[in-house]
C-alpha cells in the first residue's frame, strides 16, 4: 500500500511539473534569405565599382603626372602615355585606337 501511494504521488508530481516549451521557427525565413542574397550582391557590386573607380583615378593621376613634367622630356612623356593607353585598351579588349 505504501509503495503504491508513493508511486501515485510521483506520477502526480511529474505531471504537475512544467515542461519546456519549444521555440517554433517561422516559415517566412526563405524570404529573408532571398533579401540577404540581394544585399550581399549589392555589397559586392559596390566594392567592385569602388575598386574600378580607384584604378581609373590612379591611371588619370599617372597620365597627369606624365603630362605635367618639364617640357624637355616631352617626347618621352608622349611615348609613355601611348604605352599606357595601349595597355589599358588591350586589357579592356578594345584593341588599338
N, C-alpha and C. Protein backbone atom coordinates (compact mmCIF):
# COMPACT_ATOMS: atom_id res chain seq x y z
N UNK A 1 0.81 -1.19 0.00
CA UNK A 1 0.00 0.00 0.00
C UNK A 1 0.86 1.26 0.00
N UNK A 2 1.82 1.23 0.85
CA UNK A 2 2.67 2.41 0.96
C UNK A 2 3.43 2.64 -0.35
N UNK A 3 3.92 1.59 -0.97
CA UNK A 3 4.65 1.71 -2.23
C UNK A 3 3.75 2.22 -3.34
N UNK A 4 2.56 1.75 -3.38
CA UNK A 4 1.62 2.17 -4.41
C UNK A 4 1.30 3.66 -4.27
N UNK A 5 1.11 4.12 -3.04
CA UNK A 5 0.81 5.53 -2.80
C UNK A 5 1.99 6.42 -3.22
N UNK A 6 3.21 5.97 -2.94
CA UNK A 6 4.39 6.75 -3.31
C UNK A 6 4.50 6.87 -4.83
N UNK A 7 4.22 5.78 -5.52
CA UNK A 7 4.30 5.79 -6.97
C UNK A 7 3.24 6.72 -7.57
N UNK A 8 2.06 6.71 -6.99
CA UNK A 8 1.00 7.59 -7.48
C UNK A 8 1.37 9.06 -7.25
N UNK A 9 1.96 9.33 -6.09
CA UNK A 9 2.37 10.70 -5.79
C UNK A 9 3.42 11.19 -6.80
N UNK A 10 4.35 10.29 -7.10
CA UNK A 10 5.40 10.67 -8.04
C UNK A 10 4.81 10.99 -9.42
N UNK A 11 3.86 10.16 -9.83
CA UNK A 11 3.24 10.39 -11.13
C UNK A 11 2.49 11.72 -11.15
N UNK A 12 1.82 12.02 -10.07
CA UNK A 12 1.07 13.27 -9.98
C UNK A 12 2.04 14.46 -9.97
N UNK A 13 3.13 14.33 -9.21
CA UNK A 13 4.11 15.41 -9.14
C UNK A 13 4.77 15.64 -10.50
N UNK A 14 5.07 14.57 -11.19
CA UNK A 14 5.70 14.70 -12.51
C UNK A 14 4.76 15.35 -13.51
N UNK A 15 3.48 15.04 -13.41
CA UNK A 15 2.53 15.63 -14.35
C UNK A 15 2.31 17.11 -14.05
N UNK A 16 2.53 17.54 -12.83
CA UNK A 16 2.35 18.94 -12.45
C UNK A 16 3.54 19.80 -12.88
N UNK A 17 4.68 19.18 -13.08
CA UNK A 17 5.88 19.93 -13.47
C UNK A 17 5.67 20.59 -14.83
N UNK A 18 6.24 21.75 -14.95
CA UNK A 18 6.16 22.44 -16.23
C UNK A 18 7.20 21.87 -17.19
N UNK A 19 6.79 21.73 -18.39
CA UNK A 19 7.72 21.25 -19.40
C UNK A 19 8.23 22.43 -20.22
N UNK A 20 9.39 22.25 -20.76
CA UNK A 20 9.97 23.31 -21.57
C UNK A 20 9.18 23.47 -22.87
N UNK A 21 9.00 24.71 -23.24
CA UNK A 21 8.32 24.98 -24.49
C UNK A 21 9.36 25.09 -25.60
N UNK A 22 9.08 24.48 -26.71
CA UNK A 22 9.99 24.56 -27.84
C UNK A 22 9.66 25.80 -28.66
N UNK A 23 10.70 26.42 -29.12
CA UNK A 23 10.52 27.61 -29.92
C UNK A 23 10.27 27.18 -31.36
N UNK A 24 9.17 27.63 -31.89
CA UNK A 24 8.86 27.26 -33.27
C UNK A 24 9.41 28.32 -34.21
N UNK A 25 9.93 27.89 -35.34
CA UNK A 25 10.51 28.81 -36.31
C UNK A 25 9.43 29.21 -37.32
N UNK A 26 9.52 30.46 -37.76
CA UNK A 26 8.57 30.96 -38.75
C UNK A 26 8.88 30.36 -40.11
N UNK A 27 7.86 30.26 -40.91
CA UNK A 27 8.01 29.72 -42.25
C UNK A 27 8.54 30.80 -43.20
N UNK A 28 8.50 32.05 -42.80
CA UNK A 28 8.86 33.17 -43.68
C UNK A 28 10.36 33.35 -43.83
N UNK A 29 11.17 32.44 -43.39
CA UNK A 29 12.62 32.58 -43.48
C UNK A 29 13.17 32.55 -44.90
N UNK A 30 12.62 31.78 -45.84
CA UNK A 30 13.18 31.83 -47.19
C UNK A 30 13.15 33.23 -47.80
N UNK A 31 12.14 34.03 -47.48
CA UNK A 31 12.10 35.40 -47.97
C UNK A 31 13.27 36.19 -47.41
N UNK A 32 13.57 35.97 -46.13
CA UNK A 32 14.68 36.67 -45.51
C UNK A 32 16.00 36.29 -46.17
N UNK A 33 16.16 35.01 -46.47
CA UNK A 33 17.42 34.59 -47.10
C UNK A 33 17.55 35.19 -48.50
N UNK A 34 16.43 35.33 -49.19
CA UNK A 34 16.48 35.95 -50.52
C UNK A 34 16.90 37.41 -50.42
N UNK A 35 16.37 38.10 -49.43
CA UNK A 35 16.75 39.51 -49.27
C UNK A 35 18.21 39.63 -48.85
N UNK A 36 18.70 38.67 -48.07
CA UNK A 36 20.11 38.68 -47.68
C UNK A 36 21.00 38.49 -48.90
N UNK A 37 20.59 37.61 -49.81
CA UNK A 37 21.37 37.39 -51.02
C UNK A 37 21.43 38.67 -51.86
N UNK A 38 20.31 39.36 -51.95
CA UNK A 38 20.28 40.60 -52.72
C UNK A 38 21.19 41.63 -52.08
N UNK A 39 21.15 41.74 -50.76
CA UNK A 39 22.00 42.70 -50.06
C UNK A 39 23.47 42.37 -50.28
N UNK A 40 23.81 41.07 -50.19
CA UNK A 40 25.21 40.67 -50.39
C UNK A 40 25.67 40.99 -51.81
N UNK A 41 24.80 40.74 -52.79
CA UNK A 41 25.17 41.05 -54.17
C UNK A 41 25.40 42.55 -54.34
N UNK A 42 24.53 43.35 -53.71
CA UNK A 42 24.69 44.80 -53.81
C UNK A 42 26.01 45.25 -53.19
N UNK A 43 26.37 44.65 -52.06
CA UNK A 43 27.63 45.00 -51.40
C UNK A 43 28.81 44.65 -52.30
N UNK A 44 28.76 43.46 -52.92
CA UNK A 44 29.84 43.05 -53.80
C UNK A 44 29.96 43.99 -55.00
N UNK A 45 28.81 44.38 -55.56
CA UNK A 45 28.85 45.29 -56.70
C UNK A 45 29.44 46.63 -56.33
N UNK A 46 29.08 47.14 -55.16
CA UNK A 46 29.62 48.44 -54.76
C UNK A 46 31.12 48.34 -54.52
N UNK A 47 31.58 47.22 -53.96
CA UNK A 47 33.02 47.04 -53.76
C UNK A 47 33.75 47.01 -55.10
N UNK A 48 33.19 46.27 -56.06
CA UNK A 48 33.82 46.19 -57.37
C UNK A 48 33.86 47.56 -58.04
N UNK A 49 32.75 48.30 -57.92
CA UNK A 49 32.72 49.64 -58.51
C UNK A 49 33.75 50.55 -57.87
N UNK A 50 33.89 50.43 -56.55
CA UNK A 50 34.89 51.25 -55.86
C UNK A 50 36.30 50.92 -56.34
N UNK A 51 36.58 49.63 -56.51
CA UNK A 51 37.90 49.22 -57.00
C UNK A 51 38.15 49.76 -58.41
N UNK A 52 37.14 49.66 -59.26
CA UNK A 52 37.30 50.17 -60.62
C UNK A 52 37.53 51.68 -60.62
N UNK A 53 36.81 52.38 -59.78
CA UNK A 53 36.98 53.83 -59.70
C UNK A 53 38.38 54.19 -59.21
N UNK A 54 38.88 53.44 -58.22
CA UNK A 54 40.23 53.70 -57.71
C UNK A 54 41.27 53.46 -58.80
N UNK A 55 41.12 52.37 -59.56
CA UNK A 55 42.06 52.09 -60.64
C UNK A 55 42.03 53.20 -61.68
N UNK A 56 40.82 53.63 -62.01
CA UNK A 56 40.67 54.69 -63.00
C UNK A 56 41.31 55.99 -62.52
N UNK A 57 41.11 56.32 -61.25
CA UNK A 57 41.71 57.53 -60.69
C UNK A 57 43.24 57.44 -60.71
N UNK A 58 43.77 56.26 -60.39
CA UNK A 58 45.22 56.08 -60.41
C UNK A 58 45.77 56.29 -61.82
N UNK A 59 45.08 55.76 -62.82
CA UNK A 59 45.53 55.93 -64.19
C UNK A 59 45.50 57.39 -64.61
N UNK A 60 44.42 58.08 -64.21
CA UNK A 60 44.34 59.50 -64.54
C UNK A 60 45.47 60.29 -63.89
N UNK A 61 45.75 59.98 -62.64
CA UNK A 61 46.84 60.67 -61.94
C UNK A 61 48.17 60.41 -62.63
N UNK A 62 48.38 59.18 -63.05
CA UNK A 62 49.61 58.82 -63.73
C UNK A 62 49.76 59.61 -65.04
N UNK A 63 48.65 59.71 -65.78
CA UNK A 63 48.69 60.47 -67.03
C UNK A 63 48.95 61.95 -66.77
N UNK A 64 48.33 62.49 -65.73
CA UNK A 64 48.54 63.90 -65.40
C UNK A 64 49.99 64.16 -65.01
N UNK A 65 50.56 63.23 -64.25
CA UNK A 65 51.96 63.39 -63.85
C UNK A 65 52.87 63.38 -65.07
N UNK A 66 52.58 62.46 -65.99
CA UNK A 66 53.41 62.38 -67.19
C UNK A 66 53.29 63.63 -68.05
N UNK A 67 52.11 64.19 -68.11
CA UNK A 67 51.90 65.37 -68.94
C UNK A 67 52.41 66.64 -68.27
N UNK A 68 52.47 66.64 -66.95
CA UNK A 68 52.80 67.86 -66.23
C UNK A 68 54.28 68.08 -65.98
N UNK A 69 55.17 67.18 -66.38
CA UNK A 69 56.60 67.34 -66.12
C UNK A 69 57.22 68.37 -67.06
N UNK A 70 58.51 68.52 -66.94
CA UNK A 70 59.21 69.53 -67.74
C UNK A 70 59.06 69.25 -69.23
N UNK A 71 59.21 70.30 -70.02
CA UNK A 71 59.00 70.17 -71.46
C UNK A 71 60.18 69.54 -72.17
N UNK A 72 61.30 69.40 -71.49
CA UNK A 72 62.46 68.77 -72.12
C UNK A 72 62.19 67.29 -72.39
N UNK A 73 61.38 66.67 -71.57
CA UNK A 73 61.10 65.24 -71.71
C UNK A 73 59.76 65.01 -72.41
N UNK A 74 59.34 65.95 -73.19
CA UNK A 74 58.02 65.88 -73.80
C UNK A 74 57.86 64.64 -74.69
N UNK A 75 58.87 64.31 -75.48
CA UNK A 75 58.79 63.16 -76.37
C UNK A 75 58.66 61.85 -75.60
N UNK A 76 59.42 61.74 -74.49
CA UNK A 76 59.33 60.53 -73.67
C UNK A 76 57.96 60.42 -73.03
N UNK A 77 57.43 61.54 -72.59
CA UNK A 77 56.12 61.51 -71.95
C UNK A 77 55.04 61.08 -72.93
N UNK A 78 55.13 61.56 -74.15
CA UNK A 78 54.14 61.19 -75.15
C UNK A 78 54.19 59.69 -75.40
N UNK A 79 55.41 59.13 -75.49
CA UNK A 79 55.55 57.69 -75.71
C UNK A 79 55.00 56.89 -74.53
N UNK A 80 55.26 57.36 -73.31
CA UNK A 80 54.74 56.67 -72.13
C UNK A 80 53.23 56.71 -72.09
N UNK A 81 52.67 57.84 -72.44
CA UNK A 81 51.21 57.97 -72.46
C UNK A 81 50.61 57.01 -73.48
N UNK A 82 51.24 56.92 -74.65
CA UNK A 82 50.76 55.99 -75.67
C UNK A 82 50.81 54.55 -75.17
N UNK A 83 51.90 54.18 -74.50
CA UNK A 83 52.03 52.83 -73.96
C UNK A 83 50.94 52.53 -72.95
N UNK A 84 50.70 53.48 -72.06
CA UNK A 84 49.68 53.27 -71.03
C UNK A 84 48.30 53.13 -71.67
N UNK A 85 48.00 53.96 -72.66
CA UNK A 85 46.71 53.86 -73.34
C UNK A 85 46.56 52.52 -74.04
N UNK A 86 47.63 52.06 -74.69
CA UNK A 86 47.57 50.77 -75.38
C UNK A 86 47.35 49.63 -74.40
N UNK A 87 48.05 49.66 -73.28
CA UNK A 87 47.85 48.61 -72.26
C UNK A 87 46.42 48.62 -71.76
N UNK A 88 45.91 49.80 -71.50
CA UNK A 88 44.54 49.92 -71.00
C UNK A 88 43.55 49.38 -72.02
N UNK A 89 43.74 49.73 -73.29
CA UNK A 89 42.84 49.27 -74.34
C UNK A 89 42.92 47.76 -74.53
N UNK A 90 44.12 47.18 -74.42
CA UNK A 90 44.26 45.74 -74.56
C UNK A 90 43.58 45.01 -73.41
N UNK A 91 43.70 45.54 -72.20
CA UNK A 91 43.06 44.90 -71.05
C UNK A 91 41.54 44.97 -71.16
N UNK A 92 41.05 46.08 -71.69
CA UNK A 92 39.61 46.25 -71.83
C UNK A 92 39.06 45.54 -73.06
N UNK A 93 39.95 45.02 -73.91
CA UNK A 93 39.51 44.30 -75.10
C UNK A 93 39.10 45.22 -76.24
N UNK A 94 39.58 46.44 -76.25
CA UNK A 94 39.20 47.40 -77.27
C UNK A 94 40.12 47.36 -78.48
N UNK A 95 41.32 46.85 -78.32
CA UNK A 95 42.28 46.87 -79.41
C UNK A 95 42.98 48.21 -79.46
N UNK A 96 43.69 48.46 -80.53
CA UNK A 96 44.45 49.71 -80.65
C UNK A 96 43.55 50.83 -81.16
N UNK A 97 43.77 52.02 -80.60
CA UNK A 97 42.99 53.17 -81.07
C UNK A 97 43.92 54.26 -81.52
